Amino acid sequence: MAKTQVQSEFVGKSQNIEAEGCFSINFFRPTSSNPVSVMGIPLEEGSSLKIEQNVGDTDHTFYEVVFGSGASGNQLYVTKIMPFG
């Protein structure tokens, strides 16, 4: 079994997020945050989008994150499971 490490980051503006060879990536939109979509897929408040690779595969995608307008702040949390060692 591969050794892994978890990387987390906060995203507060529209940008591309690089998967950087991860095994899986998760995008979480908290409640009370502005609308956001990942690769054109809108995330509902309090929901997440998880993308996993097949065993032995890694993800090198650039994910487009776009925030819409709203009364709250732009908030998205990204968590990656990365190979380690």
N, C-alpha and C. Protein backbone atom coordinates (compact mmCIF):
# COMPACT_ATOMS: atom_id res chain seq x y z
N MET A 1 0.85 -1.17 0.00
CA MET A 1 0.00 0.00 0.00
C MET A 1 0.90 1.24 0.00
N ALA A 2 0.51 2.24 -0.76
CA ALA A 2 1.29 3.47 -0.89
C ALA A 2 1.17 4.32 0.38
N LYS A 3 2.26 4.97 0.72
CA LYS A 3 2.22 5.94 1.81
C LYS A 3 1.63 7.24 1.27
N THR A 4 0.82 7.89 2.10
CA THR A 4 0.16 9.12 1.65
C THR A 4 0.28 10.22 2.69
N GLN A 5 0.03 11.43 2.24
CA GLN A 5 -0.09 12.58 3.14
C GLN A 5 -1.27 13.42 2.68
N VAL A 6 -1.86 14.15 3.61
CA VAL A 6 -3.01 14.99 3.31
C VAL A 6 -2.55 16.44 3.20
N GLN A 7 -2.99 17.10 2.13
CA GLN A 7 -2.72 18.53 1.95
C GLN A 7 -4.07 19.24 1.89
N SER A 8 -4.20 20.31 2.64
CA SER A 8 -5.43 21.09 2.64
C SER A 8 -5.11 22.54 2.32
N GLU A 9 -6.04 23.19 1.62
CA GLU A 9 -5.86 24.61 1.32
C GLU A 9 -7.21 25.30 1.24
N PHE A 10 -7.19 26.57 1.56
CA PHE A 10 -8.37 27.43 1.47
C PHE A 10 -8.29 28.19 0.16
N VAL A 11 -9.41 28.28 -0.56
CA VAL A 11 -9.48 29.04 -1.80
C VAL A 11 -10.53 30.13 -1.62
N GLY A 12 -10.15 31.38 -1.89
CA GLY A 12 -11.04 32.52 -1.70
C GLY A 12 -11.22 33.37 -2.94
N LYS A 13 -10.77 32.87 -4.11
CA LYS A 13 -10.95 33.61 -5.36
C LYS A 13 -11.01 32.62 -6.51
N SER A 14 -11.58 33.04 -7.62
CA SER A 14 -11.64 32.19 -8.81
C SER A 14 -10.23 31.94 -9.31
N GLN A 15 -9.91 30.68 -9.55
CA GLN A 15 -8.56 30.32 -10.00
C GLN A 15 -8.54 28.86 -10.44
N ASN A 16 -7.42 28.42 -10.99
CA ASN A 16 -7.21 27.01 -11.29
C ASN A 16 -6.48 26.36 -10.13
N ILE A 17 -6.92 25.16 -9.76
CA ILE A 17 -6.29 24.38 -8.70
C ILE A 17 -5.64 23.18 -9.37
N GLU A 18 -4.34 23.01 -9.14
CA GLU A 18 -3.61 21.89 -9.74
C GLU A 18 -3.68 20.67 -8.82
N ALA A 19 -4.01 19.52 -9.40
CA ALA A 19 -4.10 18.29 -8.61
C ALA A 19 -2.73 17.80 -8.15
N GLU A 20 -1.68 18.11 -8.87
CA GLU A 20 -0.30 17.82 -8.47
C GLU A 20 -0.01 16.34 -8.25
N GLY A 21 -0.65 15.47 -9.01
CA GLY A 21 -0.37 14.04 -8.88
C GLY A 21 -1.03 13.37 -7.70
N CYS A 22 -2.16 13.91 -7.24
CA CYS A 22 -2.84 13.34 -6.07
C CYS A 22 -3.61 12.06 -6.44
N PHE A 23 -3.90 11.26 -5.41
CA PHE A 23 -4.74 10.08 -5.58
C PHE A 23 -6.22 10.45 -5.55
N SER A 24 -6.56 11.47 -4.75
CA SER A 24 -7.94 11.97 -4.69
C SER A 24 -7.91 13.44 -4.30
N ILE A 25 -8.99 14.13 -4.69
CA ILE A 25 -9.13 15.55 -4.38
C ILE A 25 -10.58 15.79 -4.00
N ASN A 26 -10.78 16.63 -2.98
CA ASN A 26 -12.12 16.93 -2.49
C ASN A 26 -12.29 18.45 -2.40
N PHE A 27 -13.40 18.95 -2.92
CA PHE A 27 -13.74 20.38 -2.87
C PHE A 27 -14.96 20.52 -1.98
N PHE A 28 -14.85 21.31 -0.90
CA PHE A 28 -15.96 21.48 0.06
C PHE A 28 -16.37 22.95 0.12
N ARG A 29 -17.68 23.20 -0.10
CA ARG A 29 -18.25 24.54 0.02
C ARG A 29 -19.04 24.63 1.33
N PRO A 30 -18.57 25.46 2.27
CA PRO A 30 -19.30 25.60 3.53
C PRO A 30 -20.65 26.30 3.33
N THR A 31 -21.53 26.12 4.30
CA THR A 31 -22.78 26.89 4.26
C THR A 31 -22.43 28.36 4.44
N SER A 32 -23.24 29.21 3.96
CA SER A 32 -23.10 30.67 4.02
C SER A 32 -21.93 31.19 3.19
N SER A 33 -21.49 30.44 2.18
CA SER A 33 -20.46 30.95 1.27
C SER A 33 -21.10 31.29 -0.07
N ASN A 34 -20.44 32.12 -0.85
CA ASN A 34 -20.94 32.48 -2.17
C ASN A 34 -21.01 31.26 -3.07
N PRO A 35 -21.88 31.30 -4.08
CA PRO A 35 -21.95 30.18 -5.03
C PRO A 35 -20.59 29.91 -5.66
N VAL A 36 -20.31 28.62 -5.89
CA VAL A 36 -19.03 28.24 -6.51
C VAL A 36 -19.26 27.01 -7.39
N SER A 37 -18.50 26.95 -8.47
CA SER A 37 -18.53 25.76 -9.32
C SER A 37 -17.10 25.29 -9.57
N VAL A 38 -16.97 23.98 -9.73
CA VAL A 38 -15.69 23.35 -10.04
C VAL A 38 -15.85 22.65 -11.37
N MET A 39 -15.07 23.08 -12.36
CA MET A 39 -15.15 22.52 -13.71
C MET A 39 -16.59 22.58 -14.26
N GLY A 40 -17.29 23.67 -13.91
CA GLY A 40 -18.66 23.86 -14.37
C GLY A 40 -19.72 23.15 -13.56
N ILE A 41 -19.31 22.42 -12.52
CA ILE A 41 -20.26 21.70 -11.67
C ILE A 41 -20.55 22.55 -10.43
N PRO A 42 -21.78 23.05 -10.28
CA PRO A 42 -22.08 23.88 -9.11
C PRO A 42 -22.14 23.04 -7.84
N LEU A 43 -21.58 23.59 -6.76
CA LEU A 43 -21.63 22.92 -5.46
C LEU A 43 -22.70 23.59 -4.60
N GLU A 44 -23.57 22.79 -4.03
CA GLU A 44 -24.59 23.31 -3.12
C GLU A 44 -23.94 23.68 -1.79
N GLU A 45 -24.58 24.56 -1.04
CA GLU A 45 -24.06 24.93 0.29
C GLU A 45 -23.93 23.68 1.15
N GLY A 46 -22.78 23.56 1.81
CA GLY A 46 -22.55 22.44 2.71
C GLY A 46 -22.22 21.13 2.01
N SER A 47 -21.98 21.16 0.71
CA SER A 47 -21.71 19.91 -0.01
C SER A 47 -20.28 19.89 -0.54
N SER A 48 -19.90 18.72 -1.03
CA SER A 48 -18.55 18.57 -1.55
C SER A 48 -18.55 17.76 -2.84
N LEU A 49 -17.46 17.87 -3.57
CA LEU A 49 -17.24 17.12 -4.79
C LEU A 49 -15.92 16.38 -4.60
N LYS A 50 -15.98 15.04 -4.64
CA LYS A 50 -14.78 14.23 -4.43
C LYS A 50 -14.46 13.49 -5.71
N ILE A 51 -13.20 13.55 -6.13
CA ILE A 51 -12.75 12.88 -7.34
C ILE A 51 -11.60 11.97 -6.96
N GLU A 52 -11.77 10.67 -7.23
CA GLU A 52 -10.74 9.68 -6.88
C GLU A 52 -10.22 9.01 -8.14
N GLN A 53 -8.97 8.59 -8.09
CA GLN A 53 -8.35 7.89 -9.21
C GLN A 53 -8.39 6.38 -8.96
N ASN A 54 -8.23 5.62 -10.03
CA ASN A 54 -8.09 4.17 -9.90
C ASN A 54 -6.79 3.86 -9.17
N VAL A 55 -6.71 2.69 -8.58
CA VAL A 55 -5.49 2.28 -7.86
C VAL A 55 -4.30 2.36 -8.81
N GLY A 56 -3.26 3.05 -8.36
CA GLY A 56 -2.05 3.18 -9.17
C GLY A 56 -2.02 4.40 -10.08
N ASP A 57 -3.17 5.07 -10.24
CA ASP A 57 -3.24 6.27 -11.09
C ASP A 57 -3.13 7.53 -10.24
N THR A 58 -2.64 8.60 -10.85
CA THR A 58 -2.57 9.90 -10.18
C THR A 58 -3.24 10.95 -11.04
N ASP A 59 -3.66 12.01 -10.42
CA ASP A 59 -4.43 13.08 -11.07
C ASP A 59 -3.52 14.28 -11.32
N HIS A 60 -3.47 14.73 -12.57
CA HIS A 60 -2.66 15.89 -12.94
C HIS A 60 -3.52 16.99 -13.58
N THR A 61 -4.79 16.99 -13.24
CA THR A 61 -5.75 17.94 -13.80
C THR A 61 -5.60 19.32 -13.18
N PHE A 62 -5.89 20.35 -13.96
CA PHE A 62 -6.06 21.71 -13.44
C PHE A 62 -7.57 21.93 -13.34
N TYR A 63 -8.08 22.07 -12.12
CA TYR A 63 -9.51 22.24 -11.89
C TYR A 63 -9.85 23.72 -11.84
N GLU A 64 -10.81 24.13 -12.67
CA GLU A 64 -11.23 25.53 -12.71
C GLU A 64 -12.26 25.78 -11.62
N VAL A 65 -11.95 26.70 -10.72
CA VAL A 65 -12.85 27.10 -9.65
C VAL A 65 -13.36 28.50 -9.95
N VAL A 66 -14.69 28.66 -10.00
CA VAL A 66 -15.29 29.96 -10.31
C VAL A 66 -16.34 30.29 -9.25
N PHE A 67 -16.16 31.43 -8.60
CA PHE A 67 -17.13 31.91 -7.62
C PHE A 67 -18.14 32.83 -8.29
N GLY A 68 -19.40 32.73 -7.86
CA GLY A 68 -20.45 33.63 -8.30
C GLY A 68 -20.62 34.75 -7.28
N SER A 69 -21.49 35.68 -7.60
CA SER A 69 -21.72 36.79 -6.68
C SER A 69 -22.70 36.37 -5.60
N GLY A 70 -22.59 37.03 -4.46
CA GLY A 70 -23.47 36.75 -3.35
C GLY A 70 -23.16 37.68 -2.20
N ALA A 71 -23.91 37.56 -1.14
CA ALA A 71 -23.76 38.44 0.01
C ALA A 71 -22.68 37.96 0.99
N SER A 72 -22.25 36.72 0.83
CA SER A 72 -21.25 36.15 1.73
C SER A 72 -19.87 36.20 1.09
N GLY A 73 -18.90 35.64 1.77
CA GLY A 73 -17.55 35.60 1.24
C GLY A 73 -17.31 34.38 0.37
N ASN A 74 -16.26 34.45 -0.43
CA ASN A 74 -15.85 33.31 -1.24
C ASN A 74 -15.09 32.33 -0.34
N GLN A 75 -15.61 31.10 -0.24
CA GLN A 75 -14.99 30.09 0.61
C GLN A 75 -15.08 28.73 -0.05
N LEU A 76 -13.93 28.08 -0.19
CA LEU A 76 -13.87 26.71 -0.69
C LEU A 76 -12.65 26.06 -0.05
N TYR A 77 -12.83 24.85 0.43
CA TYR A 77 -11.72 24.11 1.03
C TYR A 77 -11.38 22.93 0.13
N VAL A 78 -10.09 22.78 -0.17
CA VAL A 78 -9.61 21.71 -1.05
C VAL A 78 -8.71 20.80 -0.23
N THR A 79 -8.98 19.51 -0.30
CA THR A 79 -8.17 18.51 0.38
C THR A 79 -7.69 17.49 -0.65
N LYS A 80 -6.38 17.23 -0.62
CA LYS A 80 -5.77 16.28 -1.56
C LYS A 80 -5.10 15.15 -0.77
N ILE A 81 -5.25 13.92 -1.27
CA ILE A 81 -4.49 12.79 -0.76
C ILE A 81 -3.33 12.58 -1.73
N MET A 82 -2.12 12.82 -1.23
CA MET A 82 -0.92 12.83 -2.07
C MET A 82 -0.02 11.64 -1.76
N PRO A 83 0.70 11.14 -2.79
CA PRO A 83 1.72 10.12 -2.51
C PRO A 83 2.80 10.71 -1.61
N PHE A 84 3.38 9.87 -0.78
CA PHE A 84 4.41 10.34 0.16
C PHE A 84 5.58 9.36 0.14
N GLY A 85 6.76 9.93 0.03
CA GLY A 85 7.97 9.12 0.12
C GLY A 85 8.43 8.48 -1.11
